[in-house]
Structure formats: C-alpha cells, structure tokens
Amino acid sequence: MTGPALVVAQRPLRHHQGGSARAACARSIMQAPPRVLHGAGTGEA
C-alpha cells in the first residue's frame, strides 16, 4: 500500500509548505523501500 501512504504523506506537505522537516521526511519515505515506508507511516500517523 505505497500509493495511499504517499498520498497521505503529501497531503500535509501541501497544507504546510513551510515545513522543511516534513518535506525532508516525506522525501526520505519516498526514497525508502516499502518496508521502511510502512514502519515510518505507522510511526508518523
């Protein structure tokens, strides 16, 4: 379920364009493998 996770990660990013930390985290998640993405998504949300 990488699609929905990426959409959820991008939603707050667009709402808060000033969050560089969030942007960096989202970029790391996008580059990270599905396994790490799943773990990061559970921890973030």
PDB file of N, CA and C in Angstrom:
ATOM      1  N   MET A   1       0.848  -1.199   0.000  1.00  0.00           N
ATOM      2  CA  MET A   1       0.000   0.000   0.000  1.00  0.00           C
ATOM      3  C   MET A   1       0.882   1.246   0.000  1.00  0.00           C
ATOM      4  N   THR A   2       1.707   1.379  -1.012  1.00  0.00           N
ATOM      5  CA  THR A   2       2.605   2.530  -1.073  1.00  0.00           C
ATOM      6  C   THR A   2       1.857   3.754  -1.598  1.00  0.00           C
ATOM      7  N   GLY A   3       0.926   3.542  -2.510  1.00  0.00           N
ATOM      8  CA  GLY A   3       0.173   4.659  -3.088  1.00  0.00           C
ATOM      9  C   GLY A   3      -0.505   5.506  -2.023  1.00  0.00           C
ATOM     10  N   PRO A   4      -1.441   4.911  -1.268  1.00  0.00           N
ATOM     11  CA  PRO A   4      -2.169   5.672  -0.235  1.00  0.00           C
ATOM     12  C   PRO A   4      -1.228   6.322   0.769  1.00  0.00           C
ATOM     13  N   ALA A   5      -0.190   5.604   1.162  1.00  0.00           N
ATOM     14  CA  ALA A   5       0.756   6.139   2.148  1.00  0.00           C
ATOM     15  C   ALA A   5       1.419   7.406   1.596  1.00  0.00           C
ATOM     16  N   LEU A   6       1.821   7.364   0.331  1.00  0.00           N
ATOM     17  CA  LEU A   6       2.471   8.533  -0.263  1.00  0.00           C
ATOM     18  C   LEU A   6       1.489   9.696  -0.347  1.00  0.00           C
ATOM     19  N   VAL A   7       0.244   9.401  -0.704  1.00  0.00           N
ATOM     20  CA  VAL A   7      -0.770  10.460  -0.805  1.00  0.00           C
ATOM     21  C   VAL A   7      -0.971  11.105   0.561  1.00  0.00           C
ATOM     22  N   VAL A   8      -1.070  10.289   1.591  1.00  0.00           N
ATOM     23  CA  VAL A   8      -1.268  10.818   2.952  1.00  0.00           C
ATOM     24  C   VAL A   8      -0.066  11.660   3.360  1.00  0.00           C
ATOM     25  N   ALA A   9       1.117  11.231   2.957  1.00  0.00           N
ATOM     26  CA  ALA A   9       2.335  11.978   3.319  1.00  0.00           C
ATOM     27  C   ALA A   9       2.401  13.296   2.545  1.00  0.00           C
ATOM     28  N   GLN A  10       1.871  13.296   1.332  1.00  0.00           N
ATOM     29  CA  GLN A  10       1.924  14.510   0.514  1.00  0.00           C
ATOM     30  C   GLN A  10       0.817  15.490   0.892  1.00  0.00           C
ATOM     31  N   ARG A  11      -0.266  14.997   1.444  1.00  0.00           N
ATOM     32  CA  ARG A  11      -1.388  15.882   1.799  1.00  0.00           C
ATOM     33  C   ARG A  11      -0.948  16.953   2.803  1.00  0.00           C
ATOM     34  N   PRO A  12      -0.407  16.562   3.961  1.00  0.00           N
ATOM     35  CA  PRO A  12       0.034  17.568   4.928  1.00  0.00           C
ATOM     36  C   PRO A  12       1.158  18.443   4.372  1.00  0.00           C
ATOM     37  N   LEU A  13       1.951  17.881   3.469  1.00  0.00           N
ATOM     38  CA  LEU A  13       3.052  18.649   2.890  1.00  0.00           C
ATOM     39  C   LEU A  13       2.497  19.849   2.129  1.00  0.00           C
ATOM     40  N   ARG A  14       1.446  19.635   1.353  1.00  0.00           N
ATOM     41  CA  ARG A  14       0.880  20.736   0.565  1.00  0.00           C
ATOM     42  C   ARG A  14       0.202  21.739   1.499  1.00  0.00           C
ATOM     43  N   HIS A  15      -0.394  21.240   2.562  1.00  0.00           N
ATOM     44  CA  HIS A  15      -1.060  22.139   3.507  1.00  0.00           C
ATOM     45  C   HIS A  15      -0.024  23.006   4.221  1.00  0.00           C
ATOM     46  N   HIS A  16       1.079  22.370   4.620  1.00  0.00           N
ATOM     47  CA  HIS A  16       2.139  23.107   5.327  1.00  0.00           C
ATOM     48  C   HIS A  16       3.377  23.164   4.443  1.00  0.00           C
ATOM     49  N   GLN A  17       3.409  24.135   3.568  1.00  0.00           N
ATOM     50  CA  GLN A  17       4.550  24.242   2.658  1.00  0.00           C
ATOM     51  C   GLN A  17       5.793  24.723   3.391  1.00  0.00           C
ATOM     52  N   GLY A  18       5.637  25.329   4.555  1.00  0.00           N
ATOM     53  CA  GLY A  18       6.783  25.863   5.281  1.00  0.00           C
ATOM     54  C   GLY A  18       7.499  24.800   6.109  1.00  0.00           C
ATOM     55  N   GLY A  19       6.979  23.576   6.116  1.00  0.00           N
ATOM     56  CA  GLY A  19       7.606  22.529   6.939  1.00  0.00           C
ATOM     57  C   GLY A  19       8.721  21.836   6.184  1.00  0.00           C
ATOM     58  N   SER A  20       9.951  22.326   6.328  1.00  0.00           N
ATOM     59  CA  SER A  20      11.075  21.697   5.619  1.00  0.00           C
ATOM     60  C   SER A  20      11.366  20.332   6.231  1.00  0.00           C
ATOM     61  N   ALA A  21      11.184  20.210   7.531  1.00  0.00           N
ATOM     62  CA  ALA A  21      11.440  18.926   8.198  1.00  0.00           C
ATOM     63  C   ALA A  21      10.484  17.872   7.645  1.00  0.00           C
ATOM     64  N   ARG A  22       9.223  18.256   7.506  1.00  0.00           N
ATOM     65  CA  ARG A  22       8.225  17.314   6.977  1.00  0.00           C
ATOM     66  C   ARG A  22       8.575  16.961   5.530  1.00  0.00           C
ATOM     67  N   ALA A  23       9.006  17.945   4.771  1.00  0.00           N
ATOM     68  CA  ALA A  23       9.353  17.710   3.374  1.00  0.00           C
ATOM     69  C   ALA A  23      10.508  16.715   3.286  1.00  0.00           C
ATOM     70  N   ALA A  24      11.515  16.911   4.136  1.00  0.00           N
ATOM     71  CA  ALA A  24      12.673  16.018   4.125  1.00  0.00           C
ATOM     72  C   ALA A  24      12.239  14.613   4.509  1.00  0.00           C
ATOM     73  N   CYS A  25      11.362  14.512   5.508  1.00  0.00           N
ATOM     74  CA  CYS A  25      10.885  13.196   5.953  1.00  0.00           C
ATOM     75  C   CYS A  25      10.122  12.525   4.812  1.00  0.00           C
ATOM     76  N   ALA A  26       9.270  13.281   4.156  1.00  0.00           N
ATOM     77  CA  ALA A  26       8.485  12.716   3.052  1.00  0.00           C
ATOM     78  C   ALA A  26       9.411  12.244   1.937  1.00  0.00           C
ATOM     79  N   ARG A  27      10.448  13.020   1.659  1.00  0.00           N
ATOM     80  CA  ARG A  27      11.383  12.633   0.591  1.00  0.00           C
ATOM     81  C   ARG A  27      12.104  11.338   0.981  1.00  0.00           C
ATOM     82  N   SER A  28      12.489  11.238   2.253  1.00  0.00           N
ATOM     83  CA  SER A  28      13.170  10.026   2.709  1.00  0.00           C
ATOM     84  C   SER A  28      12.233   8.827   2.579  1.00  0.00           C
ATOM     85  N   ILE A  29      10.967   9.029   2.939  1.00  0.00           N
ATOM     86  CA  ILE A  29       9.990   7.933   2.863  1.00  0.00           C
ATOM     87  C   ILE A  29       9.823   7.510   1.404  1.00  0.00           C
ATOM     88  N   MET A  30       9.771   8.492   0.504  1.00  0.00           N
ATOM     89  CA  MET A  30       9.588   8.168  -0.917  1.00  0.00           C
ATOM     90  C   MET A  30      10.787   7.370  -1.438  1.00  0.00           C
ATOM     91  N   GLN A  31      11.977   7.694  -0.958  1.00  0.00           N
ATOM     92  CA  GLN A  31      13.174   7.000  -1.429  1.00  0.00           C
ATOM     93  C   GLN A  31      13.347   5.661  -0.703  1.00  0.00           C
ATOM     94  N   ALA A  32      12.791   5.564   0.504  1.00  0.00           N
ATOM     95  CA  ALA A  32      12.949   4.345   1.293  1.00  0.00           C
ATOM     96  C   ALA A  32      12.102   3.216   0.707  1.00  0.00           C
ATOM     97  N   PRO A  33      12.482   1.965   0.990  1.00  0.00           N
ATOM     98  CA  PRO A  33      11.746   0.808   0.491  1.00  0.00           C
ATOM     99  C   PRO A  33      10.380   0.700   1.163  1.00  0.00           C
ATOM    100  N   PRO A  34       9.459  -0.117   0.609  1.00  0.00           N
ATOM    101  CA  PRO A  34       8.107  -0.275   1.161  1.00  0.00           C
ATOM    102  C   PRO A  34       8.131  -0.670   2.636  1.00  0.00           C
ATOM    103  N   ARG A  35       9.083  -1.511   3.020  1.00  0.00           N
ATOM    104  CA  ARG A  35       9.135  -1.963   4.422  1.00  0.00           C
ATOM    105  C   ARG A  35       9.345  -0.772   5.352  1.00  0.00           C
ATOM    106  N   VAL A  36      10.320   0.059   5.034  1.00  0.00           N
ATOM    107  CA  VAL A  36      10.597   1.231   5.872  1.00  0.00           C
ATOM    108  C   VAL A  36       9.432   2.205   5.789  1.00  0.00           C
ATOM    109  N   LEU A  37       8.845   2.318   4.599  1.00  0.00           N
ATOM    110  CA  LEU A  37       7.713   3.218   4.409  1.00  0.00           C
ATOM    111  C   LEU A  37       6.573   2.823   5.341  1.00  0.00           C
ATOM    112  N   HIS A  38       6.296   1.532   5.399  1.00  0.00           N
ATOM    113  CA  HIS A  38       5.197   1.060   6.241  1.00  0.00           C
ATOM    114  C   HIS A  38       5.470   1.394   7.703  1.00  0.00           C
ATOM    115  N   GLY A  39       6.697   1.145   8.142  1.00  0.00           N
ATOM    116  CA  GLY A  39       7.046   1.427   9.535  1.00  0.00           C
ATOM    117  C   GLY A  39       6.994   2.924   9.811  1.00  0.00           C
ATOM    118  N   ALA A  40       7.524   3.732   8.891  1.00  0.00           N
ATOM    119  CA  ALA A  40       7.537   5.180   9.095  1.00  0.00           C
ATOM    120  C   ALA A  40       6.111   5.719   9.095  1.00  0.00           C
ATOM    121  N   GLY A  41       5.281   5.208   8.192  1.00  0.00           N
ATOM    122  CA  GLY A  41       3.895   5.668   8.129  1.00  0.00           C
ATOM    123  C   GLY A  41       3.169   5.389   9.433  1.00  0.00           C
ATOM    124  N   THR A  42       3.399   4.216  10.019  1.00  0.00           N
ATOM    125  CA  THR A  42       2.725   3.867  11.273  1.00  0.00           C
ATOM    126  C   THR A  42       3.204   4.782  12.394  1.00  0.00           C
ATOM    127  N   GLY A  43       4.485   5.139  12.365  1.00  0.00           N
ATOM    128  CA  GLY A  43       5.014   6.000  13.429  1.00  0.00           C
ATOM    129  C   GLY A  43       4.571   7.441  13.237  1.00  0.00           C
ATOM    130  N   GLU A  44       4.577   7.912  11.992  1.00  0.00           N
ATOM    131  CA  GLU A  44       4.185   9.299  11.726  1.00  0.00           C
ATOM    132  C   GLU A  44       2.711   9.519  12.042  1.00  0.00           C
ATOM    133  N   ALA A  45       1.838   8.739  11.394  1.00  0.00           N
ATOM    134  CA  ALA A  45       0.393   8.910  11.603  1.00  0.00           C
ATOM    135  C   ALA A  45      -0.062   7.946  12.679  1.00  0.00           C
TER     136      ALA A  45
END
